Structures are given as structure tokens and as C-alpha cells.
């Protein structure tokens, strides 16, 4: 697995989300209470970029149609249809920097 730099912990404050392209994958990284999580960045309903949505605690809301995802697992919390999960990635924090493993 490759470890890809996302940014400094100080740049991704509590309740903030960012994105990175790594290994040909669009990945969203979120800070929830000082713990960093990474999921796929593309909604499996209609392809929205999820980093343009909003984060409510551990729930990520799609900016286009309101699908709700659990940022800690990449699992779907709510949508009228069953959607494919967005998945999750391992996050590593070292020396004040956030990395995602892909």
C-alpha cells in the first residue's frame, strides 16, 4: 500500500473535510473530534463530489440529493434507494501530518 500525504492536521480542523486524488482514486478525508477518517469522495447515486457536501458529526450529507453516509465506515445511513457503499481507507497521522493509505 502507498501512503499519500493529505495535509497538516492544523489545516484540517475539527468538523472539516478535504479531498485528495491518490492511486487514481478520489478520496475524502474528514476530521471528527480530532480523529481523521477517509472514504470514497464520489456519491454512488449520481456521482457528486462528497467533499462539497456537509459534515454533521459523523454523518456526511451528499450535496446533490441528500444521501447520508457514515464517515467512519463509508456505509450508507439514509437514502430512498439502496446505494453501493463508498468504502473507507486507513488514515495515518504522523508528526502533525495526515496520510491516507491506498
Protein backbone atom coordinates (compact mmCIF):
# COMPACT_ATOMS: atom_id res chain seq x y z
CA UNK A 1 0.00 0.00 0.00
CA UNK A 2 1.12 3.53 -0.75
CA UNK A 3 0.90 6.27 1.86
CA UNK A 4 -0.24 9.61 0.38
CA UNK A 5 0.04 12.97 2.13
CA UNK A 6 -3.30 14.72 2.60
CA UNK A 7 -2.09 17.74 4.61
CA UNK A 8 -1.19 19.03 8.05
CA UNK A 9 -3.51 18.27 10.95
CA UNK A 10 -3.64 22.03 11.64
CA UNK A 11 -5.05 22.61 8.13
CA UNK A 12 -7.96 20.17 8.60
CA UNK A 13 -9.78 21.45 11.68
CA UNK A 14 -12.46 19.65 13.65
CA UNK A 15 -15.60 19.20 11.54
CA UNK A 16 -13.75 19.95 8.29
CA UNK A 17 -13.47 17.84 5.16
CA UNK A 18 -10.96 17.84 2.31
CA UNK A 19 -10.15 15.66 -0.65
CA UNK A 20 -7.17 14.15 -2.41
CA UNK A 21 -6.60 12.05 -5.52
CA UNK A 22 -4.39 9.05 -4.77
CA UNK A 23 -3.70 5.99 -6.86
CA UNK A 24 -6.37 7.08 -9.34
CA UNK A 25 -8.99 7.23 -6.56
CA UNK A 26 -10.92 10.26 -5.32
CA UNK A 27 -10.71 10.20 -1.51
CA UNK A 28 -12.43 12.36 1.09
CA UNK A 29 -10.75 12.95 4.47
CA UNK A 30 -12.68 14.29 7.47
CA UNK A 31 -11.74 15.37 10.99
CA UNK A 32 -14.35 14.33 13.55
CA UNK A 33 -13.39 15.36 17.08
CA UNK A 34 -9.67 15.10 16.32
CA UNK A 35 -9.93 11.66 14.68
CA UNK A 36 -9.40 11.51 10.93
CA UNK A 37 -11.43 9.27 8.62
CA UNK A 38 -11.17 8.63 4.87
CA UNK A 39 -13.84 7.40 2.45
CA UNK A 40 -14.53 7.48 -1.24
CA UNK A 41 -15.29 11.01 -2.44
CA UNK A 42 -17.86 10.13 -5.11
CA UNK A 43 -21.51 9.51 -4.29
CA UNK A 44 -22.62 6.22 -5.79
CA UNK A 45 -26.08 7.63 -6.61
CA UNK A 46 -25.26 10.27 -9.24
CA UNK A 47 -21.54 10.95 -8.96
CA UNK A 48 -21.49 14.07 -6.76
CA UNK A 49 -18.19 15.04 -5.17
CA UNK A 50 -18.90 14.43 -1.49
CA UNK A 51 -16.31 16.91 -0.22
CA UNK A 52 -18.71 19.61 -1.50
CA UNK A 53 -21.36 18.31 0.93
CA UNK A 54 -21.59 18.93 4.65
CA UNK A 55 -20.49 17.05 7.72
CA UNK A 56 -22.88 16.69 10.68
CA UNK A 57 -20.86 14.92 13.37
CA UNK A 58 -20.01 11.53 11.82
CA UNK A 59 -22.61 11.87 9.07
CA UNK A 60 -21.66 13.14 5.61
CA UNK A 61 -24.50 14.57 3.51
CA UNK A 62 -24.28 14.47 -0.29
CA UNK A 63 -24.58 17.97 -1.83
CA UNK A 64 -26.85 16.88 -4.71
CA UNK A 65 -29.61 14.59 -3.40
CA UNK A 66 -29.04 14.35 0.35
CA UNK A 67 -27.77 10.78 0.70
CA UNK A 68 -26.32 10.36 4.20
CA UNK A 69 -23.12 8.40 4.76
CA UNK A 70 -21.34 7.25 7.92
CA UNK A 71 -17.90 8.87 7.59
CA UNK A 72 -16.36 6.29 9.94
CA UNK A 73 -17.27 3.28 7.76
CA UNK A 74 -18.35 4.54 4.34
CA UNK A 75 -21.72 2.85 4.83
CA UNK A 76 -25.00 4.40 3.73
CA UNK A 77 -27.11 5.76 6.62
CA UNK A 78 -30.07 7.02 4.59
CA UNK A 79 -31.38 7.31 1.05
CA UNK A 80 -34.68 6.18 -0.56
CA UNK A 81 -32.76 3.67 -2.72
CA UNK A 82 -30.10 1.14 -1.79
CA UNK A 83 -26.72 2.50 -2.92
CA UNK A 84 -23.29 0.95 -3.21
CA UNK A 85 -21.07 1.82 -0.24
CA UNK A 86 -18.37 4.47 -0.73
CA UNK A 87 -15.83 2.44 1.25
CA UNK A 88 -13.17 3.53 3.70
CA UNK A 89 -9.41 3.92 3.78
CA UNK A 90 -6.86 3.74 6.55
CA UNK A 91 -5.65 7.11 7.83
CA UNK A 92 -2.26 7.57 9.50
CA UNK A 93 -1.26 10.68 11.46
CA UNK A 94 2.50 11.19 11.90
CA UNK A 95 4.39 14.26 13.08
CA UNK A 96 1.42 16.57 12.52
CA UNK A 97 0.68 15.29 9.01
CA UNK A 98 -2.31 13.28 7.77
CA UNK A 99 -1.75 10.43 5.31
CA UNK A 100 -4.16 8.03 3.65
CA UNK A 101 -3.16 4.51 2.60
CA UNK A 102 -4.30 3.37 -0.84
